[in-house]
Amino acid sequence: MSEQVMVVEAALLRPHVTRPLIRDGARVILDLISSRHLFIARELAEVSPQYRQIIPYVIIRRQDDYFVLKRTPKQTEARLHHKLSLGIGGHINPGHTVVDGLRKELEEEVAIETPYDLQFVGIVNDESTDVGRVHLGVAYILDVGEKRVHVKETEKMSGEWMSRRALAGARSAMESWSEIIYDELIA
């Protein structure tokens, strides 16, 4: 059986996804996700712009430094290979809420060996790429007490800390959601 992933019909979201990072009005989108989501086969969702796959997207920060990931060719989404990512994210499967999916992805992809605070920062909407047109990000900032974070899935990605200043020089190597987060929250 194929993987089932959480989606929301794009037509329901369209009136509310008017910017690359939606902060004001995000509550309406979160309510739609909570009340109107369904699960469909991932293979179908990846090629069906009538749906937006809901992806929790977590940016790890320690003061002015950010944990940046680089995706390898072993990572599932070929369209993102070798791109830098400010966020950790993944699909939500049946039986999970957005926050459950967020915690599952964090547990699978990174080890965080320090206390942290998590806060919602907005909805990431990118309709400029094939990947973006079929996904919608629910973005969070995870502020860690110490830089004790490392990648678990080293065959799929590597991770390193970068200063806010260094991110400016790395922006052109970022995936589109990271560019949005950088432009709207960091720069």
C-alpha atoms as a PDB file:
ATOM      1  CA  MET A   1       0.000   0.000   0.000  1.00  0.00           C
ATOM      2  CA  SER A   2       1.316   3.448  -0.860  1.00  0.00           C
ATOM      3  CA  GLU A   3       2.065   6.130   1.711  1.00  0.00           C
ATOM      4  CA  GLN A   4      -0.971   8.278   2.547  1.00  0.00           C
ATOM      5  CA  VAL A   5      -0.277  11.980   3.161  1.00  0.00           C
ATOM      6  CA  MET A   6      -2.301  14.888   4.530  1.00  0.00           C
ATOM      7  CA  VAL A   7      -3.649  17.305   1.931  1.00  0.00           C
ATOM      8  CA  VAL A   8      -6.158  20.143   1.731  1.00  0.00           C
ATOM      9  CA  GLU A   9      -7.941  21.102  -1.462  1.00  0.00           C
ATOM     10  CA  ALA A  10      -6.113  24.036  -3.044  1.00  0.00           C
ATOM     11  CA  ALA A  11      -9.409  25.774  -3.870  1.00  0.00           C
ATOM     12  CA  LEU A  12     -10.218  26.036  -0.139  1.00  0.00           C
ATOM     13  CA  LEU A  13      -6.806  27.546   0.606  1.00  0.00           C
ATOM     14  CA  ARG A  14      -6.464  29.830  -2.423  1.00  0.00           C
ATOM     15  CA  PRO A  15      -8.308  32.875  -0.979  1.00  0.00           C
ATOM     16  CA  HIS A  16      -6.037  32.810   2.075  1.00  0.00           C
ATOM     17  CA  VAL A  17      -2.591  32.065   0.602  1.00  0.00           C
ATOM     18  CA  THR A  18      -1.794  35.471  -0.813  1.00  0.00           C
ATOM     19  CA  ARG A  19       1.862  35.918   0.177  1.00  0.00           C
ATOM     20  CA  PRO A  20       4.999  33.781   0.416  1.00  0.00           C
ATOM     21  CA  LEU A  21       4.847  33.860   4.247  1.00  0.00           C
ATOM     22  CA  ILE A  22       1.413  34.321   5.746  1.00  0.00           C
ATOM     23  CA  ARG A  23       1.445  35.533   9.326  1.00  0.00           C
ATOM     24  CA  ASP A  24      -1.674  37.674   9.608  1.00  0.00           C
ATOM     25  CA  GLY A  25      -4.570  35.429   8.729  1.00  0.00           C
ATOM     26  CA  ALA A  26      -2.636  32.230   9.386  1.00  0.00           C
ATOM     27  CA  ARG A  27      -5.234  31.114  11.957  1.00  0.00           C
ATOM     28  CA  VAL A  28      -7.842  30.709   9.195  1.00  0.00           C
ATOM     29  CA  ILE A  29      -5.455  28.466   7.251  1.00  0.00           C
ATOM     30  CA  LEU A  30      -4.615  26.408  10.347  1.00  0.00           C
ATOM     31  CA  ASP A  31      -8.336  25.960  11.001  1.00  0.00           C
ATOM     32  CA  LEU A  32      -8.876  24.791   7.390  1.00  0.00           C
ATOM     33  CA  ILE A  33      -6.011  22.327   7.727  1.00  0.00           C
ATOM     34  CA  SER A  34      -7.440  21.004  10.979  1.00  0.00           C
ATOM     35  CA  SER A  35     -11.040  20.687   9.801  1.00  0.00           C
ATOM     36  CA  ARG A  36     -10.842  20.012   6.053  1.00  0.00           C
ATOM     37  CA  HIS A  37      -7.761  17.826   5.520  1.00  0.00           C
ATOM     38  CA  LEU A  38      -7.869  14.382   3.967  1.00  0.00           C
ATOM     39  CA  PHE A  39      -5.300  11.712   3.192  1.00  0.00           C
ATOM     40  CA  ILE A  40      -4.439  10.553  -0.318  1.00  0.00           C
ATOM     41  CA  ALA A  41      -1.664   8.508  -1.897  1.00  0.00           C
ATOM     42  CA  ARG A  42       1.587  10.450  -1.970  1.00  0.00           C
ATOM     43  CA  GLU A  43       2.207   9.509  -5.611  1.00  0.00           C
ATOM     44  CA  LEU A  44      -1.048  11.211  -6.551  1.00  0.00           C
ATOM     45  CA  ALA A  45      -0.504  14.213  -4.256  1.00  0.00           C
ATOM     46  CA  GLU A  46       2.930  14.966  -5.752  1.00  0.00           C
ATOM     47  CA  VAL A  47       1.455  15.537  -9.219  1.00  0.00           C
ATOM     48  CA  SER A  48      -1.962  16.988  -8.325  1.00  0.00           C
ATOM     49  CA  PRO A  49      -2.033  20.788  -7.999  1.00  0.00           C
ATOM     50  CA  GLN A  50      -5.681  20.604  -6.912  1.00  0.00           C
ATOM     51  CA  TYR A  51      -4.280  19.546  -3.511  1.00  0.00           C
ATOM     52  CA  ARG A  52      -1.647  21.071  -1.253  1.00  0.00           C
ATOM     53  CA  GLN A  53       0.311  18.625   0.883  1.00  0.00           C
ATOM     54  CA  ILE A  54       0.666  19.943   4.413  1.00  0.00           C
ATOM     55  CA  ILE A  55       4.273  19.956   5.621  1.00  0.00           C
ATOM     56  CA  PRO A  56       5.428  21.001   9.102  1.00  0.00           C
ATOM     57  CA  TYR A  57       8.652  22.999   8.590  1.00  0.00           C
ATOM     58  CA  VAL A  58      10.922  23.644  11.593  1.00  0.00           C
ATOM     59  CA  ILE A  59      13.775  26.160  11.584  1.00  0.00           C
ATOM     60  CA  ILE A  60      16.338  25.508  14.347  1.00  0.00           C
ATOM     61  CA  ARG A  61      17.981  28.601  15.770  1.00  0.00           C
ATOM     62  CA  ARG A  62      20.461  29.455  18.500  1.00  0.00           C
ATOM     63  CA  GLN A  63      20.465  33.242  18.930  1.00  0.00           C
ATOM     64  CA  ASP A  64      21.803  34.542  15.547  1.00  0.00           C
ATOM     65  CA  ASP A  65      22.915  31.140  14.226  1.00  0.00           C
ATOM     66  CA  TYR A  66      20.792  28.689  12.239  1.00  0.00           C
ATOM     67  CA  PHE A  67      21.093  24.930  11.732  1.00  0.00           C
ATOM     68  CA  VAL A  68      21.273  24.454   7.954  1.00  0.00           C
ATOM     69  CA  LEU A  69      20.777  21.141   6.160  1.00  0.00           C
ATOM     70  CA  LYS A  70      22.154  20.055   2.802  1.00  0.00           C
ATOM     71  CA  ARG A  71      20.173  17.344   1.044  1.00  0.00           C
ATOM     72  CA  THR A  72      21.982  14.444  -0.645  1.00  0.00           C
ATOM     73  CA  PRO A  73      20.808  12.406  -3.662  1.00  0.00           C
ATOM     74  CA  LYS A  74      19.634   9.672  -1.241  1.00  0.00           C
ATOM     75  CA  GLN A  75      16.882  11.974   0.020  1.00  0.00           C
ATOM     76  CA  THR A  76      13.435  11.182  -1.439  1.00  0.00           C
ATOM     77  CA  GLU A  77      12.556  14.483  -3.141  1.00  0.00           C
ATOM     78  CA  ALA A  78      14.886  14.632  -6.177  1.00  0.00           C
ATOM     79  CA  ARG A  79      13.850  18.212  -6.926  1.00  0.00           C
ATOM     80  CA  LEU A  80      15.603  19.309  -3.712  1.00  0.00           C
ATOM     81  CA  HIS A  81      18.890  17.386  -4.006  1.00  0.00           C
ATOM     82  CA  HIS A  82      22.010  19.433  -3.127  1.00  0.00           C
ATOM     83  CA  LYS A  83      19.907  22.369  -1.971  1.00  0.00           C
ATOM     84  CA  LEU A  84      20.413  24.056   1.393  1.00  0.00           C
ATOM     85  CA  SER A  85      17.464  24.004   3.755  1.00  0.00           C
ATOM     86  CA  LEU A  86      16.747  26.098   6.811  1.00  0.00           C
ATOM     87  CA  GLY A  87      13.915  23.764   7.759  1.00  0.00           C
ATOM     88  CA  ILE A  88      13.262  20.198   8.752  1.00  0.00           C
ATOM     89  CA  GLY A  89       9.969  18.917   7.476  1.00  0.00           C
ATOM     90  CA  GLY A  90       8.023  16.054   6.078  1.00  0.00           C
ATOM     91  CA  HIS A  91       4.659  14.647   5.181  1.00  0.00           C
ATOM     92  CA  ILE A  92       1.930  13.972   7.719  1.00  0.00           C
ATOM     93  CA  ASN A  93       0.460  10.481   7.720  1.00  0.00           C
ATOM     94  CA  PRO A  94      -2.945   9.244   8.951  1.00  0.00           C
ATOM     95  CA  GLY A  95      -3.450   9.417  12.698  1.00  0.00           C
ATOM     96  CA  HIS A  96      -1.215  12.477  13.075  1.00  0.00           C
ATOM     97  CA  THR A  97      -1.903  16.185  13.507  1.00  0.00           C
ATOM     98  CA  VAL A  98       0.460  18.868  12.188  1.00  0.00           C
ATOM     99  CA  VAL A  99       2.273  19.003  15.544  1.00  0.00           C
ATOM    100  CA  ASP A 100       2.467  15.180  15.690  1.00  0.00           C
ATOM    101  CA  GLY A 101       4.002  15.217  12.201  1.00  0.00           C
ATOM    102  CA  LEU A 102       6.439  17.936  13.248  1.00  0.00           C
ATOM    103  CA  ARG A 103       7.617  15.929  16.265  1.00  0.00           C
ATOM    104  CA  LYS A 104       7.896  12.743  14.173  1.00  0.00           C
ATOM    105  CA  GLU A 105      10.098  14.483  11.586  1.00  0.00           C
ATOM    106  CA  LEU A 106      12.320  16.039  14.248  1.00  0.00           C
ATOM    107  CA  GLU A 107      12.758  12.661  15.969  1.00  0.00           C
ATOM    108  CA  GLU A 108      13.604  10.940  12.667  1.00  0.00           C
ATOM    109  CA  GLU A 109      15.963  13.541  11.225  1.00  0.00           C
ATOM    110  CA  VAL A 110      17.848  15.242  14.058  1.00  0.00           C
ATOM    111  CA  ALA A 111      18.965  14.713  17.632  1.00  0.00           C
ATOM    112  CA  ILE A 112      18.343  17.750  19.823  1.00  0.00           C
ATOM    113  CA  GLU A 113      20.277  17.347  23.050  1.00  0.00           C
ATOM    114  CA  THR A 114      19.324  20.622  24.700  1.00  0.00           C
ATOM    115  CA  PRO A 115      16.143  22.274  25.962  1.00  0.00           C
ATOM    116  CA  TYR A 116      14.188  24.227  23.358  1.00  0.00           C
ATOM    117  CA  ASP A 117      11.180  26.455  22.783  1.00  0.00           C
ATOM    118  CA  LEU A 118       8.926  26.018  19.771  1.00  0.00           C
ATOM    119  CA  GLN A 119       6.791  28.779  18.266  1.00  0.00           C
ATOM    120  CA  PHE A 120       4.583  28.980  15.184  1.00  0.00           C
ATOM    121  CA  VAL A 121       5.783  31.676  12.744  1.00  0.00           C
ATOM    122  CA  GLY A 122       3.560  31.384   9.681  1.00  0.00           C
ATOM    123  CA  ILE A 123       2.403  29.522   6.594  1.00  0.00           C
ATOM    124  CA  VAL A 124       4.929  29.081   3.762  1.00  0.00           C
ATOM    125  CA  ASN A 125       3.337  29.409   0.329  1.00  0.00           C
ATOM    126  CA  ASP A 126       5.490  29.021  -2.773  1.00  0.00           C
ATOM    127  CA  GLU A 127       3.762  28.752  -6.108  1.00  0.00           C
ATOM    128  CA  SER A 128       6.903  29.503  -8.135  1.00  0.00           C
ATOM    129  CA  THR A 129       8.162  25.901  -8.335  1.00  0.00           C
ATOM    130  CA  ASP A 130       6.681  22.488  -9.130  1.00  0.00           C
ATOM    131  CA  VAL A 131       7.455  21.376  -5.558  1.00  0.00           C
ATOM    132  CA  GLY A 132       5.901  24.495  -4.043  1.00  0.00           C
ATOM    133  CA  ARG A 133       2.683  24.284  -6.025  1.00  0.00           C
ATOM    134  CA  VAL A 134       1.752  20.971  -4.388  1.00  0.00           C
ATOM    135  CA  HIS A 135       2.973  21.690  -0.827  1.00  0.00           C
ATOM    136  CA  LEU A 136       2.103  24.184   1.910  1.00  0.00           C
ATOM    137  CA  GLY A 137       4.394  24.695   4.892  1.00  0.00           C
ATOM    138  CA  VAL A 138       3.391  25.211   8.505  1.00  0.00           C
ATOM    139  CA  ALA A 139       6.523  26.951   9.796  1.00  0.00           C
ATOM    140  CA  TYR A 140       7.913  26.963  13.318  1.00  0.00           C
ATOM    141  CA  ILE A 141      11.071  28.345  14.916  1.00  0.00           C
ATOM    142  CA  LEU A 142      12.739  26.033  17.408  1.00  0.00           C
ATOM    143  CA  ASP A 143      15.058  28.032  19.687  1.00  0.00           C
ATOM    144  CA  VAL A 144      17.663  25.796  21.322  1.00  0.00           C
ATOM    145  CA  GLY A 145      19.557  26.508  24.518  1.00  0.00           C
ATOM    146  CA  GLU A 146      22.835  25.172  23.119  1.00  0.00           C
ATOM    147  CA  LYS A 147      24.170  24.115  19.708  1.00  0.00           C
ATOM    148  CA  ARG A 148      23.771  20.448  20.583  1.00  0.00           C
ATOM    149  CA  VAL A 149      21.920  19.389  17.435  1.00  0.00           C
ATOM    150  CA  HIS A 150      23.065  16.864  14.846  1.00  0.00           C
ATOM    151  CA  VAL A 151      21.646  15.010  11.852  1.00  0.00           C
ATOM    152  CA  LYS A 152      20.571  11.403  12.377  1.00  0.00           C
ATOM    153  CA  GLU A 153      19.902  10.555   8.726  1.00  0.00           C
ATOM    154  CA  THR A 154      23.444  11.291   7.532  1.00  0.00           C
ATOM    155  CA  GLU A 155      22.932   9.359   4.285  1.00  0.00           C
ATOM    156  CA  LYS A 156      20.120  11.781   3.364  1.00  0.00           C
ATOM    157  CA  MET A 157      21.549  15.077   4.609  1.00  0.00           C
ATOM    158  CA  SER A 158      24.314  16.862   6.432  1.00  0.00           C
ATOM    159  CA  GLY A 159      23.929  19.720   8.872  1.00  0.00           C
ATOM    160  CA  GLU A 160      25.946  22.675  10.061  1.00  0.00           C
ATOM    161  CA  TRP A 161      25.466  25.899  11.995  1.00  0.00           C
ATOM    162  CA  MET A 162      25.607  29.109   9.983  1.00  0.00           C
ATOM    163  CA  SER A 163      25.530  32.667  11.214  1.00  0.00           C
ATOM    164  CA  ARG A 164      22.878  35.060  10.019  1.00  0.00           C
ATOM    165  CA  ARG A 165      25.581  36.883   8.045  1.00  0.00           C
ATOM    166  CA  ALA A 166      26.786  33.658   6.372  1.00  0.00           C
ATOM    167  CA  LEU A 167      23.223  32.853   5.313  1.00  0.00           C
ATOM    168  CA  ALA A 168      23.169  35.967   3.135  1.00  0.00           C
ATOM    169  CA  GLY A 169      25.987  34.518   1.032  1.00  0.00           C
ATOM    170  CA  ALA A 170      24.346  31.079   0.903  1.00  0.00           C
ATOM    171  CA  ARG A 171      20.881  32.275  -0.111  1.00  0.00           C
ATOM    172  CA  SER A 172      21.307  31.385  -3.806  1.00  0.00           C
ATOM    173  CA  ALA A 173      21.955  27.727  -2.843  1.00  0.00           C
ATOM    174  CA  MET A 174      18.756  27.469  -0.772  1.00  0.00           C
ATOM    175  CA  GLU A 175      15.550  25.677  -1.635  1.00  0.00           C
ATOM    176  CA  SER A 176      12.658  28.065  -2.243  1.00  0.00           C
ATOM    177  CA  TRP A 177      11.013  27.709   1.184  1.00  0.00           C
ATOM    178  CA  SER A 178      14.318  28.551   2.852  1.00  0.00           C
ATOM    179  CA  GLU A 179      14.648  31.613   0.626  1.00  0.00           C
ATOM    180  CA  ILE A 180      11.192  32.704   1.785  1.00  0.00           C
ATOM    181  CA  ILE A 181      12.045  32.138   5.457  1.00  0.00           C
ATOM    182  CA  TYR A 182      15.365  33.944   5.003  1.00  0.00           C
ATOM    183  CA  ASP A 183      13.788  36.928   3.214  1.00  0.00           C
ATOM    184  CA  GLU A 184      10.764  37.277   5.504  1.00  0.00           C
ATOM    185  CA  LEU A 185      12.178  36.378   8.944  1.00  0.00           C
ATOM    186  CA  ILE A 186      15.985  36.533   8.960  1.00  0.00           C
ATOM    187  CA  ALA A 187      17.396  39.096   6.498  1.00  0.00           C
END
